[in-house]
């Protein structure tokens, strides 16, 4: 199938995913390509590449891609005894693709020691500091899978400190600017090991996506040619092409609960595009992939 899915609100689907960013977009792709019916609820708009621009007023000041503190308020307090006050302490992507749309696209792997720091460093009083229950070797195949599927540019083996990897990067590193060349020469003379950073940006074109044109507007902006490997450009089109995944933008999730009959969880959401009408969406599973603050509110 190659047409986008459209489910009625009364239809029970296999998965209702809350959020469409780094986690939600990949979940949507993995589940729909494996035969499951999926609905993704995203509180922000569904913007396409031609709608992105380098207009700093629109993108940064008017919050085109991120939460607007005046509308998506965040409160903060240091202790339970004090009164919480509004504080603009959280910024997250509020559009289809989430924060992967506006992130810088640095794409690092954790190191082997990151998983066993408790064993190496020891106890830190007053904390729950422990080793991870998994090791780098458990995650390595998934690091490789996502690098090749979304598109990451880099140079394997360039850093002597890199953890082991089963495959090289799928594309060569992005070109280095003149200042980078000067930096590389100087640091090598000092005995350091400079290397090109792994970037989730295409150095070579892929079907439906152009290679990077070096515009310089990565941090904070969407990529108008699809070179940045966001969920919007790399994962969601694959999910929609299955005919089993529907992306519902402008949907603010309000509450989740489990029905007695049928025995499937349901989530109530508010559709901005339908004059703030409240609707319900039922799925056998409801993965929460939104940013942490909204996840706490929803639960």
C-alpha atoms as a PDB file:
ATOM      1  CA  UNK A   1       0.000   0.000   0.000  1.00  0.00           C
ATOM      2  CA  UNK A   2       1.188   3.514  -0.703  1.00  0.00           C
ATOM      3  CA  UNK A   3      -1.677   5.769   0.353  1.00  0.00           C
ATOM      4  CA  UNK A   4      -1.866   7.539   3.674  1.00  0.00           C
ATOM      5  CA  UNK A   5      -4.209   5.974   6.202  1.00  0.00           C
ATOM      6  CA  UNK A   6      -7.249   7.778   7.569  1.00  0.00           C
ATOM      7  CA  UNK A   7      -8.949   6.116  10.515  1.00  0.00           C
ATOM      8  CA  UNK A   8     -12.269   7.099  11.999  1.00  0.00           C
ATOM      9  CA  UNK A   9     -12.120   8.141  15.625  1.00  0.00           C
ATOM     10  CA  UNK A  10     -14.338   5.165  16.460  1.00  0.00           C
ATOM     11  CA  UNK A  11     -11.874   2.717  14.855  1.00  0.00           C
ATOM     12  CA  UNK A  12      -9.730   0.762  17.280  1.00  0.00           C
ATOM     13  CA  UNK A  13      -6.136   0.691  16.090  1.00  0.00           C
ATOM     14  CA  UNK A  14      -3.180  -1.297  17.350  1.00  0.00           C
ATOM     15  CA  UNK A  15      -1.132   1.649  18.614  1.00  0.00           C
ATOM     16  CA  UNK A  16      -1.857   5.277  19.445  1.00  0.00           C
ATOM     17  CA  UNK A  17       1.483   7.065  19.745  1.00  0.00           C
ATOM     18  CA  UNK A  18       1.620  10.363  21.615  1.00  0.00           C
ATOM     19  CA  UNK A  19       4.299  12.527  20.027  1.00  0.00           C
ATOM     20  CA  UNK A  20       6.063  12.307  16.669  1.00  0.00           C
ATOM     21  CA  UNK A  21       9.683  13.206  17.452  1.00  0.00           C
ATOM     22  CA  UNK A  22      12.828  11.144  17.925  1.00  0.00           C
ATOM     23  CA  UNK A  23      10.960   8.322  19.674  1.00  0.00           C
ATOM     24  CA  UNK A  24       7.453   8.655  18.243  1.00  0.00           C
ATOM     25  CA  UNK A  25       8.521   8.950  14.615  1.00  0.00           C
ATOM     26  CA  UNK A  26      10.705   5.849  14.804  1.00  0.00           C
ATOM     27  CA  UNK A  27       7.986   3.917  16.640  1.00  0.00           C
ATOM     28  CA  UNK A  28       5.500   4.859  13.938  1.00  0.00           C
ATOM     29  CA  UNK A  29       7.837   3.637  11.204  1.00  0.00           C
ATOM     30  CA  UNK A  30       8.798   0.389  12.955  1.00  0.00           C
ATOM     31  CA  UNK A  31       5.235  -0.542  13.885  1.00  0.00           C
ATOM     32  CA  UNK A  32       3.536   0.352  10.595  1.00  0.00           C
ATOM     33  CA  UNK A  33       6.173  -1.406   8.464  1.00  0.00           C
ATOM     34  CA  UNK A  34       5.609  -4.520  10.577  1.00  0.00           C
ATOM     35  CA  UNK A  35       1.894  -4.608   9.833  1.00  0.00           C
ATOM     36  CA  UNK A  36       0.349  -2.695  12.751  1.00  0.00           C
ATOM     37  CA  UNK A  37      -2.296   0.022  12.435  1.00  0.00           C
ATOM     38  CA  UNK A  38      -0.952   3.234  13.954  1.00  0.00           C
ATOM     39  CA  UNK A  39      -2.260   6.703  14.791  1.00  0.00           C
ATOM     40  CA  UNK A  40       0.211   9.387  15.872  1.00  0.00           C
ATOM     41  CA  UNK A  41      -1.124  12.324  17.878  1.00  0.00           C
ATOM     42  CA  UNK A  42       1.028  15.465  17.622  1.00  0.00           C
ATOM     43  CA  UNK A  43       0.164  18.709  19.410  1.00  0.00           C
ATOM     44  CA  UNK A  44       1.871  20.883  16.769  1.00  0.00           C
ATOM     45  CA  UNK A  45       1.283  21.491  13.046  1.00  0.00           C
ATOM     46  CA  UNK A  46       2.365  19.291  10.151  1.00  0.00           C
ATOM     47  CA  UNK A  47       4.914  21.473   8.383  1.00  0.00           C
ATOM     48  CA  UNK A  48       6.616  20.318   5.189  1.00  0.00           C
ATOM     49  CA  UNK A  49      10.069  21.257   3.919  1.00  0.00           C
ATOM     50  CA  UNK A  50       8.881  24.103   1.621  1.00  0.00           C
ATOM     51  CA  UNK A  51       7.321  25.791   4.678  1.00  0.00           C
ATOM     52  CA  UNK A  52      10.661  26.104   6.495  1.00  0.00           C
ATOM     53  CA  UNK A  53      12.623  29.330   6.197  1.00  0.00           C
ATOM     54  CA  UNK A  54      15.564  31.227   7.685  1.00  0.00           C
ATOM     55  CA  UNK A  55      13.244  33.921   9.030  1.00  0.00           C
ATOM     56  CA  UNK A  56      14.631  34.311  12.559  1.00  0.00           C
ATOM     57  CA  UNK A  57      11.685  36.427  13.705  1.00  0.00           C
ATOM     58  CA  UNK A  58       9.125  33.836  12.675  1.00  0.00           C
ATOM     59  CA  UNK A  59      11.073  30.746  13.732  1.00  0.00           C
ATOM     60  CA  UNK A  60      12.734  31.901  16.968  1.00  0.00           C
ATOM     61  CA  UNK A  61      10.744  34.830  18.325  1.00  0.00           C
ATOM     62  CA  UNK A  62       7.306  33.617  17.222  1.00  0.00           C
ATOM     63  CA  UNK A  63       8.024  29.943  18.067  1.00  0.00           C
ATOM     64  CA  UNK A  64       7.169  28.428  14.697  1.00  0.00           C
ATOM     65  CA  UNK A  65       8.750  25.059  15.573  1.00  0.00           C
ATOM     66  CA  UNK A  66       8.793  25.062  19.378  1.00  0.00           C
ATOM     67  CA  UNK A  67       6.471  25.497  22.337  1.00  0.00           C
ATOM     68  CA  UNK A  68       5.165  28.998  22.947  1.00  0.00           C
ATOM     69  CA  UNK A  69       5.639  29.824  26.663  1.00  0.00           C
ATOM     70  CA  UNK A  70       2.515  31.991  26.592  1.00  0.00           C
ATOM     71  CA  UNK A  71       0.369  29.074  25.389  1.00  0.00           C
ATOM     72  CA  UNK A  72       2.214  25.976  26.610  1.00  0.00           C
ATOM     73  CA  UNK A  73       3.034  27.229  30.083  1.00  0.00           C
ATOM     74  CA  UNK A  74       5.618  25.635  32.359  1.00  0.00           C
ATOM     75  CA  UNK A  75       5.740  26.173  36.121  1.00  0.00           C
ATOM     76  CA  UNK A  76       8.619  25.534  38.486  1.00  0.00           C
ATOM     77  CA  UNK A  77       9.227  25.358  42.232  1.00  0.00           C
ATOM     78  CA  UNK A  78      12.207  24.262  44.283  1.00  0.00           C
ATOM     79  CA  UNK A  79      10.286  22.567  47.107  1.00  0.00           C
ATOM     80  CA  UNK A  80       6.723  21.313  47.624  1.00  0.00           C
ATOM     81  CA  UNK A  81       6.132  24.072  50.183  1.00  0.00           C
ATOM     82  CA  UNK A  82       6.603  27.042  47.840  1.00  0.00           C
ATOM     83  CA  UNK A  83       4.115  28.310  45.273  1.00  0.00           C
ATOM     84  CA  UNK A  84       4.922  27.278  41.725  1.00  0.00           C
ATOM     85  CA  UNK A  85       5.591  30.121  39.321  1.00  0.00           C
ATOM     86  CA  UNK A  86       5.594  30.237  35.567  1.00  0.00           C
ATOM     87  CA  UNK A  87       9.110  29.899  34.248  1.00  0.00           C
ATOM     88  CA  UNK A  88      10.247  29.464  30.678  1.00  0.00           C
ATOM     89  CA  UNK A  89      12.654  26.669  31.537  1.00  0.00           C
ATOM     90  CA  UNK A  90      11.708  24.117  28.863  1.00  0.00           C
ATOM     91  CA  UNK A  91      11.955  24.326  25.086  1.00  0.00           C
ATOM     92  CA  UNK A  92      10.833  21.457  22.895  1.00  0.00           C
ATOM     93  CA  UNK A  93       9.747  20.829  19.338  1.00  0.00           C
ATOM     94  CA  UNK A  94       6.038  21.394  18.770  1.00  0.00           C
ATOM     95  CA  UNK A  95       5.486  20.152  15.254  1.00  0.00           C
ATOM     96  CA  UNK A  96       5.432  16.851  13.405  1.00  0.00           C
ATOM     97  CA  UNK A  97       8.960  15.518  13.831  1.00  0.00           C
ATOM     98  CA  UNK A  98       9.334  17.143  17.255  1.00  0.00           C
ATOM     99  CA  UNK A  99      12.731  18.391  18.345  1.00  0.00           C
ATOM    100  CA  UNK A 100      14.468  16.452  15.566  1.00  0.00           C
ATOM    101  CA  UNK A 101      13.225  19.179  13.221  1.00  0.00           C
ATOM    102  CA  UNK A 102      15.196  21.945  14.936  1.00  0.00           C
ATOM    103  CA  UNK A 103      18.081  20.082  16.598  1.00  0.00           C
ATOM    104  CA  UNK A 104      21.687  20.682  15.531  1.00  0.00           C
ATOM    105  CA  UNK A 105      21.936  17.078  14.254  1.00  0.00           C
ATOM    106  CA  UNK A 106      25.026  16.021  16.206  1.00  0.00           C
ATOM    107  CA  UNK A 107      24.657  12.238  16.400  1.00  0.00           C
ATOM    108  CA  UNK A 108      26.968  10.770  19.020  1.00  0.00           C
ATOM    109  CA  UNK A 109      27.064   7.289  20.517  1.00  0.00           C
ATOM    110  CA  UNK A 110      27.514   6.690  24.216  1.00  0.00           C
ATOM    111  CA  UNK A 111      30.824   5.104  25.208  1.00  0.00           C
ATOM    112  CA  UNK A 112      31.197   1.731  26.892  1.00  0.00           C
ATOM    113  CA  UNK A 113      32.137   3.349  30.196  1.00  0.00           C
ATOM    114  CA  UNK A 114      28.896   5.379  30.230  1.00  0.00           C
ATOM    115  CA  UNK A 115      26.977   2.192  31.034  1.00  0.00           C
ATOM    116  CA  UNK A 116      29.145   1.164  34.013  1.00  0.00           C
ATOM    117  CA  UNK A 117      30.024   4.464  35.678  1.00  0.00           C
ATOM    118  CA  UNK A 118      28.846   3.278  39.096  1.00  0.00           C
ATOM    119  CA  UNK A 119      31.316   0.395  38.970  1.00  0.00           C
ATOM    120  CA  UNK A 120      34.114   2.693  37.809  1.00  0.00           C
ATOM    121  CA  UNK A 121      33.427   5.819  39.896  1.00  0.00           C
ATOM    122  CA  UNK A 122      31.796   4.358  42.972  1.00  0.00           C
ATOM    123  CA  UNK A 123      28.835   5.465  45.048  1.00  0.00           C
ATOM    124  CA  UNK A 124      27.664   9.076  45.089  1.00  0.00           C
ATOM    125  CA  UNK A 125      25.998   9.730  48.484  1.00  0.00           C
ATOM    126  CA  UNK A 126      22.413  10.930  48.339  1.00  0.00           C
ATOM    127  CA  UNK A 127      21.798   9.635  44.828  1.00  0.00           C
ATOM    128  CA  UNK A 128      20.496   6.503  43.179  1.00  0.00           C
ATOM    129  CA  UNK A 129      23.606   6.314  40.998  1.00  0.00           C
ATOM    130  CA  UNK A 130      23.780   2.810  39.476  1.00  0.00           C
ATOM    131  CA  UNK A 131      25.092   1.066  36.381  1.00  0.00           C
ATOM    132  CA  UNK A 132      22.787   0.680  33.415  1.00  0.00           C
ATOM    133  CA  UNK A 133      21.007  -2.711  33.255  1.00  0.00           C
ATOM    134  CA  UNK A 134      22.315  -3.087  29.685  1.00  0.00           C
ATOM    135  CA  UNK A 135      25.718  -2.583  28.083  1.00  0.00           C
ATOM    136  CA  UNK A 136      26.993  -0.795  25.012  1.00  0.00           C
ATOM    137  CA  UNK A 137      27.191  -4.103  23.132  1.00  0.00           C
ATOM    138  CA  UNK A 138      23.429  -4.539  23.598  1.00  0.00           C
ATOM    139  CA  UNK A 139      22.722  -1.172  21.965  1.00  0.00           C
ATOM    140  CA  UNK A 140      25.364  -1.249  19.224  1.00  0.00           C
ATOM    141  CA  UNK A 141      23.195  -3.018  16.590  1.00  0.00           C
ATOM    142  CA  UNK A 142      20.481  -0.394  17.117  1.00  0.00           C
ATOM    143  CA  UNK A 143      22.951   2.487  16.851  1.00  0.00           C
ATOM    144  CA  UNK A 144      24.015   1.040  13.495  1.00  0.00           C
ATOM    145  CA  UNK A 145      20.451   0.457  12.348  1.00  0.00           C
ATOM    146  CA  UNK A 146      19.331   4.024  13.024  1.00  0.00           C
ATOM    147  CA  UNK A 147      22.481   5.549  11.502  1.00  0.00           C
ATOM    148  CA  UNK A 148      21.894   3.717   8.235  1.00  0.00           C
ATOM    149  CA  UNK A 149      18.139   4.207   8.114  1.00  0.00           C
ATOM    150  CA  UNK A 150      17.916   7.912   8.950  1.00  0.00           C
ATOM    151  CA  UNK A 151      21.196   8.888   7.293  1.00  0.00           C
ATOM    152  CA  UNK A 152      24.283   9.874   9.326  1.00  0.00           C
ATOM    153  CA  UNK A 153      27.500  11.312   7.918  1.00  0.00           C
ATOM    154  CA  UNK A 154      30.799  10.571   9.636  1.00  0.00           C
ATOM    155  CA  UNK A 155      34.178   8.884   9.523  1.00  0.00           C
ATOM    156  CA  UNK A 156      34.450   5.627  11.434  1.00  0.00           C
ATOM    157  CA  UNK A 157      37.778   5.063  13.136  1.00  0.00           C
ATOM    158  CA  UNK A 158      38.799   8.721  12.968  1.00  0.00           C
ATOM    159  CA  UNK A 159      38.658   9.015  16.748  1.00  0.00           C
ATOM    160  CA  UNK A 160      40.833   6.634  18.787  1.00  0.00           C
ATOM    161  CA  UNK A 161      38.336   6.944  21.625  1.00  0.00           C
ATOM    162  CA  UNK A 162      35.267   5.755  19.694  1.00  0.00           C
ATOM    163  CA  UNK A 163      33.555   2.600  20.961  1.00  0.00           C
ATOM    164  CA  UNK A 164      33.505  -0.502  18.716  1.00  0.00           C
ATOM    165  CA  UNK A 165      31.126  -0.438  15.770  1.00  0.00           C
ATOM    166  CA  UNK A 166      29.864  -3.185  13.461  1.00  0.00           C
ATOM    167  CA  UNK A 167      29.609  -0.994  10.327  1.00  0.00           C
ATOM    168  CA  UNK A 168      31.026   2.324   9.149  1.00  0.00           C
ATOM    169  CA  UNK A 169      28.833   5.380   8.728  1.00  0.00           C
ATOM    170  CA  UNK A 170      26.581   5.164   5.664  1.00  0.00           C
ATOM    171  CA  UNK A 171      27.957   8.438   4.240  1.00  0.00           C
ATOM    172  CA  UNK A 172      31.269  10.307   4.343  1.00  0.00           C
ATOM    173  CA  UNK A 173      31.573  13.279   6.704  1.00  0.00           C
ATOM    174  CA  UNK A 174      30.312  16.712   5.781  1.00  0.00           C
ATOM    175  CA  UNK A 175      32.855  19.128   4.273  1.00  0.00           C
ATOM    176  CA  UNK A 176      35.054  20.973   6.761  1.00  0.00           C
ATOM    177  CA  UNK A 177      35.087  24.770   6.636  1.00  0.00           C
ATOM    178  CA  UNK A 178      38.295  26.788   6.478  1.00  0.00           C
ATOM    179  CA  UNK A 179      38.286  27.487  10.211  1.00  0.00           C
ATOM    180  CA  UNK A 180      37.896  23.748  10.817  1.00  0.00           C
ATOM    181  CA  UNK A 181      40.964  23.019   8.714  1.00  0.00           C
ATOM    182  CA  UNK A 182      43.011  25.526  10.716  1.00  0.00           C
ATOM    183  CA  UNK A 183      41.699  24.036  13.968  1.00  0.00           C
ATOM    184  CA  UNK A 184      42.571  20.509  12.832  1.00  0.00           C
ATOM    185  CA  UNK A 185      46.139  21.413  11.912  1.00  0.00           C
ATOM    186  CA  UNK A 186      46.726  23.283  15.161  1.00  0.00           C
ATOM    187  CA  UNK A 187      45.317  20.576  17.423  1.00  0.00           C
ATOM    188  CA  UNK A 188      47.263  17.813  15.681  1.00  0.00           C
ATOM    189  CA  UNK A 189      50.452  19.755  16.336  1.00  0.00           C
ATOM    190  CA  UNK A 190      49.474  19.808  20.022  1.00  0.00           C
ATOM    191  CA  UNK A 191      49.028  16.045  20.082  1.00  0.00           C
ATOM    192  CA  UNK A 192      45.224  15.943  20.038  1.00  0.00           C
ATOM    193  CA  UNK A 193      42.961  13.845  17.799  1.00  0.00           C
ATOM    194  CA  UNK A 194      40.535  16.075  15.865  1.00  0.00           C
ATOM    195  CA  UNK A 195      37.940  14.316  13.748  1.00  0.00           C
ATOM    196  CA  UNK A 196      34.748  15.219  11.882  1.00  0.00           C
ATOM    197  CA  UNK A 197      31.686  15.053  14.133  1.00  0.00           C
ATOM    198  CA  UNK A 198      29.030  12.492  13.216  1.00  0.00           C
ATOM    199  CA  UNK A 199      26.037  14.426  11.913  1.00  0.00           C
ATOM    200  CA  UNK A 200      22.499  13.324  11.109  1.00  0.00           C
ATOM    201  CA  UNK A 201      22.735  15.376   7.924  1.00  0.00           C
ATOM    202  CA  UNK A 202      23.109  13.938   4.443  1.00  0.00           C
ATOM    203  CA  UNK A 203      26.451  14.466   2.734  1.00  0.00           C
ATOM    204  CA  UNK A 204      25.025  12.560  -0.226  1.00  0.00           C
ATOM    205  CA  UNK A 205      21.509  12.688  -1.626  1.00  0.00           C
ATOM    206  CA  UNK A 206      18.987   9.965  -0.853  1.00  0.00           C
ATOM    207  CA  UNK A 207      15.655   9.245  -2.571  1.00  0.00           C
ATOM    208  CA  UNK A 208      13.376  12.214  -1.899  1.00  0.00           C
ATOM    209  CA  UNK A 209      16.059  14.066   0.069  1.00  0.00           C
ATOM    210  CA  UNK A 210      18.849  16.391  -1.039  1.00  0.00           C
ATOM    211  CA  UNK A 211      22.388  16.493   0.281  1.00  0.00           C
ATOM    212  CA  UNK A 212      23.348  19.355   2.594  1.00  0.00           C
ATOM    213  CA  UNK A 213      23.890  22.726   0.887  1.00  0.00           C
ATOM    214  CA  UNK A 214      25.800  24.176   3.877  1.00  0.00           C
ATOM    215  CA  UNK A 215      23.346  26.987   4.573  1.00  0.00           C
ATOM    216  CA  UNK A 216      24.406  27.133   8.220  1.00  0.00           C
ATOM    217  CA  UNK A 217      20.875  27.223   9.657  1.00  0.00           C
ATOM    218  CA  UNK A 218      20.811  23.839  11.407  1.00  0.00           C
ATOM    219  CA  UNK A 219      20.423  24.806  15.073  1.00  0.00           C
ATOM    220  CA  UNK A 220      16.888  25.970  15.756  1.00  0.00           C
ATOM    221  CA  UNK A 221      15.603  25.737  12.186  1.00  0.00           C
ATOM    222  CA  UNK A 222      13.940  23.156   9.971  1.00  0.00           C
ATOM    223  CA  UNK A 223      15.759  21.949   6.867  1.00  0.00           C
ATOM    224  CA  UNK A 224      14.009  23.143   3.726  1.00  0.00           C
ATOM    225  CA  UNK A 225      15.649  20.478   1.525  1.00  0.00           C
ATOM    226  CA  UNK A 226      15.272  17.502   3.860  1.00  0.00           C
ATOM    227  CA  UNK A 227      19.014  17.006   4.367  1.00  0.00           C
ATOM    228  CA  UNK A 228      18.655  16.965   8.149  1.00  0.00           C
ATOM    229  CA  UNK A 229      17.711  13.439   9.208  1.00  0.00           C
ATOM    230  CA  UNK A 230      14.713  14.343  11.319  1.00  0.00           C
ATOM    231  CA  UNK A 231      11.812  12.007  12.003  1.00  0.00           C
ATOM    232  CA  UNK A 232       9.827  14.294   9.700  1.00  0.00           C
ATOM    233  CA  UNK A 233      12.120  13.648   6.728  1.00  0.00           C
ATOM    234  CA  UNK A 234      13.469  10.157   7.403  1.00  0.00           C
ATOM    235  CA  UNK A 235      10.889   8.125   9.338  1.00  0.00           C
ATOM    236  CA  UNK A 236       7.372   9.496   8.983  1.00  0.00           C
ATOM    237  CA  UNK A 237       7.252   9.329   5.150  1.00  0.00           C
ATOM    238  CA  UNK A 238       8.150   5.625   5.374  1.00  0.00           C
ATOM    239  CA  UNK A 239       5.429   5.061   7.960  1.00  0.00           C
ATOM    240  CA  UNK A 240       2.772   6.878   5.940  1.00  0.00           C
ATOM    241  CA  UNK A 241       3.728   5.024   2.766  1.00  0.00           C
ATOM    242  CA  UNK A 242       2.630   1.742   4.348  1.00  0.00           C
ATOM    243  CA  UNK A 243      -0.988   2.878   4.325  1.00  0.00           C
ATOM    244  CA  UNK A 244      -1.255   1.869   7.979  1.00  0.00           C
ATOM    245  CA  UNK A 245      -0.065   5.037   9.742  1.00  0.00           C
ATOM    246  CA  UNK A 246      -2.079   8.220  10.208  1.00  0.00           C
ATOM    247  CA  UNK A 247      -0.426  11.396  11.505  1.00  0.00           C
ATOM    248  CA  UNK A 248      -2.889  13.637  13.324  1.00  0.00           C
ATOM    249  CA  UNK A 249      -1.374  17.087  13.905  1.00  0.00           C
ATOM    250  CA  UNK A 250      -2.776  19.833  16.150  1.00  0.00           C
ATOM    251  CA  UNK A 251      -4.004  17.281  18.681  1.00  0.00           C
ATOM    252  CA  UNK A 252      -3.405  18.049  22.335  1.00  0.00           C
ATOM    253  CA  UNK A 253      -3.739  14.974  24.543  1.00  0.00           C
ATOM    254  CA  UNK A 254      -5.682  15.576  27.734  1.00  0.00           C
ATOM    255  CA  UNK A 255      -6.174  12.291  29.557  1.00  0.00           C
ATOM    256  CA  UNK A 256      -5.650   8.548  29.269  1.00  0.00           C
ATOM    257  CA  UNK A 257      -7.672   5.805  30.883  1.00  0.00           C
ATOM    258  CA  UNK A 258      -8.503   2.128  30.520  1.00  0.00           C
ATOM    259  CA  UNK A 259     -12.011   1.097  29.640  1.00  0.00           C
ATOM    260  CA  UNK A 260     -13.770  -1.878  31.201  1.00  0.00           C
ATOM    261  CA  UNK A 261     -15.285  -2.917  27.878  1.00  0.00           C
ATOM    262  CA  UNK A 262     -13.645  -3.295  25.487  1.00  0.00           C
ATOM    263  CA  UNK A 263     -10.433  -3.926  27.453  1.00  0.00           C
ATOM    264  CA  UNK A 264      -8.358  -1.390  25.552  1.00  0.00           C
ATOM    265  CA  UNK A 265      -6.873   1.891  26.792  1.00  0.00           C
ATOM    266  CA  UNK A 266      -8.289   5.114  25.423  1.00  0.00           C
ATOM    267  CA  UNK A 267      -6.914   8.617  25.240  1.00  0.00           C
ATOM    268  CA  UNK A 268      -8.891  11.845  25.106  1.00  0.00           C
ATOM    269  CA  UNK A 269      -7.455  14.537  22.902  1.00  0.00           C
ATOM    270  CA  UNK A 270      -8.361  18.061  21.840  1.00  0.00           C
ATOM    271  CA  UNK A 271      -8.185  18.739  18.120  1.00  0.00           C
ATOM    272  CA  UNK A 272      -7.192  22.344  17.447  1.00  0.00           C
ATOM    273  CA  UNK A 273      -7.955  21.951  13.752  1.00  0.00           C
ATOM    274  CA  UNK A 274     -11.560  21.067  14.589  1.00  0.00           C
ATOM    275  CA  UNK A 275     -12.430  24.092  16.686  1.00  0.00           C
ATOM    276  CA  UNK A 276     -11.095  22.641  19.927  1.00  0.00           C
ATOM    277  CA  UNK A 277     -13.456  19.682  19.821  1.00  0.00           C
ATOM    278  CA  UNK A 278     -12.629  16.895  22.272  1.00  0.00           C
ATOM    279  CA  UNK A 279     -12.478  13.369  20.906  1.00  0.00           C
ATOM    280  CA  UNK A 280     -11.399   9.923  21.985  1.00  0.00           C
ATOM    281  CA  UNK A 281      -8.937   7.580  20.320  1.00  0.00           C
ATOM    282  CA  UNK A 282      -8.751   3.907  21.291  1.00  0.00           C
ATOM    283  CA  UNK A 283      -5.729   1.684  20.760  1.00  0.00           C
ATOM    284  CA  UNK A 284      -4.547  -1.625  22.107  1.00  0.00           C
ATOM    285  CA  UNK A 285      -1.356   0.105  23.243  1.00  0.00           C
ATOM    286  CA  UNK A 286      -0.594   3.786  23.852  1.00  0.00           C
ATOM    287  CA  UNK A 287       3.162   4.494  23.820  1.00  0.00           C
ATOM    288  CA  UNK A 288       3.996   7.909  25.276  1.00  0.00           C
ATOM    289  CA  UNK A 289       6.753   9.527  23.200  1.00  0.00           C
ATOM    290  CA  UNK A 290       6.146  13.177  24.021  1.00  0.00           C
ATOM    291  CA  UNK A 291       8.676  15.356  25.848  1.00  0.00           C
ATOM    292  CA  UNK A 292       9.020  14.752  29.591  1.00  0.00           C
ATOM    293  CA  UNK A 293       6.977  17.700  30.876  1.00  0.00           C
ATOM    294  CA  UNK A 294       3.903  16.863  28.827  1.00  0.00           C
ATOM    295  CA  UNK A 295       4.295  13.161  29.613  1.00  0.00           C
ATOM    296  CA  UNK A 296       4.007  13.912  33.320  1.00  0.00           C
ATOM    297  CA  UNK A 297       0.924  16.021  32.724  1.00  0.00           C
ATOM    298  CA  UNK A 298      -0.699  13.277  30.667  1.00  0.00           C
ATOM    299  CA  UNK A 299      -0.009  10.565  33.210  1.00  0.00           C
END
